[in-house]
C-alpha atoms as a PDB file:
ATOM      1  CA  UNK A   1       0.162   0.347  -0.025  1.00  0.00           C
ATOM      2  CA  UNK A   2       1.177   3.254  -1.180  1.00  0.00           C
ATOM      3  CA  UNK A   3       1.768   6.221   1.580  1.00  0.00           C
ATOM      4  CA  UNK A   4       0.975   9.116   0.343  1.00  0.00           C
ATOM      5  CA  UNK A   5       3.063  12.497   1.991  1.00  0.00           C
ATOM      6  CA  UNK A   6       1.203  15.252   0.398  1.00  0.00           C
ATOM      7  CA  UNK A   7      -2.346  16.264   0.566  1.00  0.00           C
ATOM      8  CA  UNK A   8      -4.035  16.897  -2.827  1.00  0.00           C
ATOM      9  CA  UNK A   9      -5.976  20.086  -2.596  1.00  0.00           C
ATOM     10  CA  UNK A  10      -9.195  19.904  -4.932  1.00  0.00           C
ATOM     11  CA  UNK A  11      -9.717  23.299  -4.999  1.00  0.00           C
ATOM     12  CA  UNK A  12      -6.411  25.333  -6.495  1.00  0.00           C
ATOM     13  CA  UNK A  13      -6.368  22.473  -9.312  1.00  0.00           C
ATOM     14  CA  UNK A  14     -10.313  21.642 -10.429  1.00  0.00           C
ATOM     15  CA  UNK A  15     -12.319  24.007 -12.047  1.00  0.00           C
ATOM     16  CA  UNK A  16     -16.198  24.336 -10.930  1.00  0.00           C
ATOM     17  CA  UNK A  17     -18.307  22.431 -13.079  1.00  0.00           C
ATOM     18  CA  UNK A  18     -21.051  25.015 -13.344  1.00  0.00           C
ATOM     19  CA  UNK A  19     -17.399  27.042 -15.269  1.00  0.00           C
ATOM     20  CA  UNK A  20     -16.763  23.754 -17.409  1.00  0.00           C
ATOM     21  CA  UNK A  21     -20.372  23.560 -18.450  1.00  0.00           C
ATOM     22  CA  UNK A  22     -20.542  27.429 -19.164  1.00  0.00           C
ATOM     23  CA  UNK A  23     -17.875  27.041 -21.286  1.00  0.00           C
ATOM     24  CA  UNK A  24     -19.166  23.830 -23.030  1.00  0.00           C
ATOM     25  CA  UNK A  25     -22.410  25.518 -23.476  1.00  0.00           C
ATOM     26  CA  UNK A  26     -20.848  28.725 -25.050  1.00  0.00           C
ATOM     27  CA  UNK A  27     -18.784  26.560 -27.477  1.00  0.00           C
ATOM     28  CA  UNK A  28     -22.235  24.817 -28.340  1.00  0.00           C
ATOM     29  CA  UNK A  29     -24.008  28.073 -29.135  1.00  0.00           C
ATOM     30  CA  UNK A  30     -21.370  29.253 -31.004  1.00  0.00           C
ATOM     31  CA  UNK A  31     -21.094  26.226 -33.258  1.00  0.00           C
ATOM     32  CA  UNK A  32     -24.890  26.355 -33.853  1.00  0.00           C
ATOM     33  CA  UNK A  33     -24.687  29.875 -34.720  1.00  0.00           C
ATOM     34  CA  UNK A  34     -21.700  29.267 -37.282  1.00  0.00           C
ATOM     35  CA  UNK A  35     -23.446  26.330 -38.726  1.00  0.00           C
ATOM     36  CA  UNK A  36     -26.818  28.881 -39.187  1.00  0.00           C
ATOM     37  CA  UNK A  37     -25.042  31.418 -41.062  1.00  0.00           C
ATOM     38  CA  UNK A  38     -23.019  28.337 -43.266  1.00  0.00           C
ATOM     39  CA  UNK A  39     -26.433  26.978 -43.838  1.00  0.00           C
ATOM     40  CA  UNK A  40     -28.246  31.022 -44.512  1.00  0.00           C
ATOM     41  CA  UNK A  41     -25.041  31.426 -46.666  1.00  0.00           C
ATOM     42  CA  UNK A  42     -25.701  28.370 -49.091  1.00  0.00           C
ATOM     43  CA  UNK A  43     -29.570  29.182 -49.442  1.00  0.00           C
ATOM     44  CA  UNK A  44     -28.924  32.411 -50.582  1.00  0.00           C
ATOM     45  CA  UNK A  45     -26.243  31.529 -53.178  1.00  0.00           C
ATOM     46  CA  UNK A  46     -28.691  28.530 -54.252  1.00  0.00           C
ATOM     47  CA  UNK A  47     -31.435  31.052 -54.547  1.00  0.00           C
ATOM     48  CA  UNK A  48     -29.396  33.685 -56.338  1.00  0.00           C
ATOM     49  CA  UNK A  49     -28.145  30.892 -59.095  1.00  0.00           C
ATOM     50  CA  UNK A  50     -32.130  29.991 -59.980  1.00  0.00           C
ATOM     51  CA  UNK A  51     -33.231  33.370 -60.062  1.00  0.00           C
ATOM     52  CA  UNK A  52     -30.529  33.739 -63.121  1.00  0.00           C
ATOM     53  CA  UNK A  53     -32.328  31.321 -65.004  1.00  0.00           C
ATOM     54  CA  UNK A  54     -35.388  31.914 -67.281  1.00  0.00           C
ATOM     55  CA  UNK A  55     -38.844  31.508 -66.236  1.00  0.00           C
ATOM     56  CA  UNK A  56     -39.533  28.771 -68.579  1.00  0.00           C
ATOM     57  CA  UNK A  57     -36.330  26.455 -67.038  1.00  0.00           C
ATOM     58  CA  UNK A  58     -37.633  27.618 -63.661  1.00  0.00           C
ATOM     59  CA  UNK A  59     -41.100  26.185 -64.835  1.00  0.00           C
ATOM     60  CA  UNK A  60     -39.900  22.808 -65.923  1.00  0.00           C
ATOM     61  CA  UNK A  61     -37.920  22.342 -62.607  1.00  0.00           C
ATOM     62  CA  UNK A  62     -41.428  23.192 -61.287  1.00  0.00           C
ATOM     63  CA  UNK A  63     -41.293  26.409 -58.805  1.00  0.00           C
ATOM     64  CA  UNK A  64     -42.035  29.586 -59.372  1.00  0.00           C
ATOM     65  CA  UNK A  65     -39.954  33.021 -58.980  1.00  0.00           C
ATOM     66  CA  UNK A  66     -42.337  33.956 -56.399  1.00  0.00           C
ATOM     67  CA  UNK A  67     -41.822  31.015 -54.747  1.00  0.00           C
ATOM     68  CA  UNK A  68     -38.017  31.466 -54.852  1.00  0.00           C
ATOM     69  CA  UNK A  69     -38.284  35.204 -53.587  1.00  0.00           C
ATOM     70  CA  UNK A  70     -40.533  34.053 -50.462  1.00  0.00           C
ATOM     71  CA  UNK A  71     -38.158  31.554 -49.481  1.00  0.00           C
ATOM     72  CA  UNK A  72     -34.977  33.690 -50.079  1.00  0.00           C
ATOM     73  CA  UNK A  73     -36.113  36.387 -47.556  1.00  0.00           C
ATOM     74  CA  UNK A  74     -36.874  33.342 -44.990  1.00  0.00           C
ATOM     75  CA  UNK A  75     -33.985  32.865 -42.339  1.00  0.00           C
ATOM     76  CA  UNK A  76     -33.293  30.376 -39.844  1.00  0.00           C
ATOM     77  CA  UNK A  77     -31.470  26.710 -40.575  1.00  0.00           C
ATOM     78  CA  UNK A  78     -32.797  24.802 -43.302  1.00  0.00           C
ATOM     79  CA  UNK A  79     -32.035  23.130 -46.279  1.00  0.00           C
ATOM     80  CA  UNK A  80     -32.874  25.451 -49.716  1.00  0.00           C
ATOM     81  CA  UNK A  81     -33.257  21.969 -51.508  1.00  0.00           C
ATOM     82  CA  UNK A  82     -36.095  20.513 -49.572  1.00  0.00           C
ATOM     83  CA  UNK A  83     -37.982  23.588 -49.405  1.00  0.00           C
ATOM     84  CA  UNK A  84     -38.295  24.117 -52.807  1.00  0.00           C
ATOM     85  CA  UNK A  85     -39.591  19.973 -52.880  1.00  0.00           C
ATOM     86  CA  UNK A  86     -41.641  20.949 -50.103  1.00  0.00           C
ATOM     87  CA  UNK A  87     -43.222  23.753 -52.768  1.00  0.00           C
ATOM     88  CA  UNK A  88     -43.047  21.651 -55.949  1.00  0.00           C
ATOM     89  CA  UNK A  89     -45.108  18.598 -54.144  1.00  0.00           C
ATOM     90  CA  UNK A  90     -47.688  21.293 -53.153  1.00  0.00           C
ATOM     91  CA  UNK A  91     -47.959  23.752 -56.396  1.00  0.00           C
ATOM     92  CA  UNK A  92     -47.725  20.868 -58.813  1.00  0.00           C
ATOM     93  CA  UNK A  93     -46.764  21.058 -62.050  1.00  0.00           C
ATOM     94  CA  UNK A  94     -48.108  24.618 -64.190  1.00  0.00           C
ATOM     95  CA  UNK A  95     -47.658  22.440 -67.599  1.00  0.00           C
ATOM     96  CA  UNK A  96     -50.108  24.964 -69.349  1.00  0.00           C
END
């Protein structure tokens, strides 16, 4: 059995659990914000590229220019492709 000569000091070397949790929460929040910003940037790029197409191509895809503009103003974390697919599925194709 090992004999310890020095008593370990717990108050000097360890951080309180609340401080560690606070730092962990701050990193998680920062990561989420950066992820939201990146997703919003990708969505804006997608909408900008789609709006450069003519109305005939957009009609063939199954989305309208108004639908793209409505999504362009929307913020939050969502995938542009999935949202456009929802619009396409609910509106149906207007082939006239």
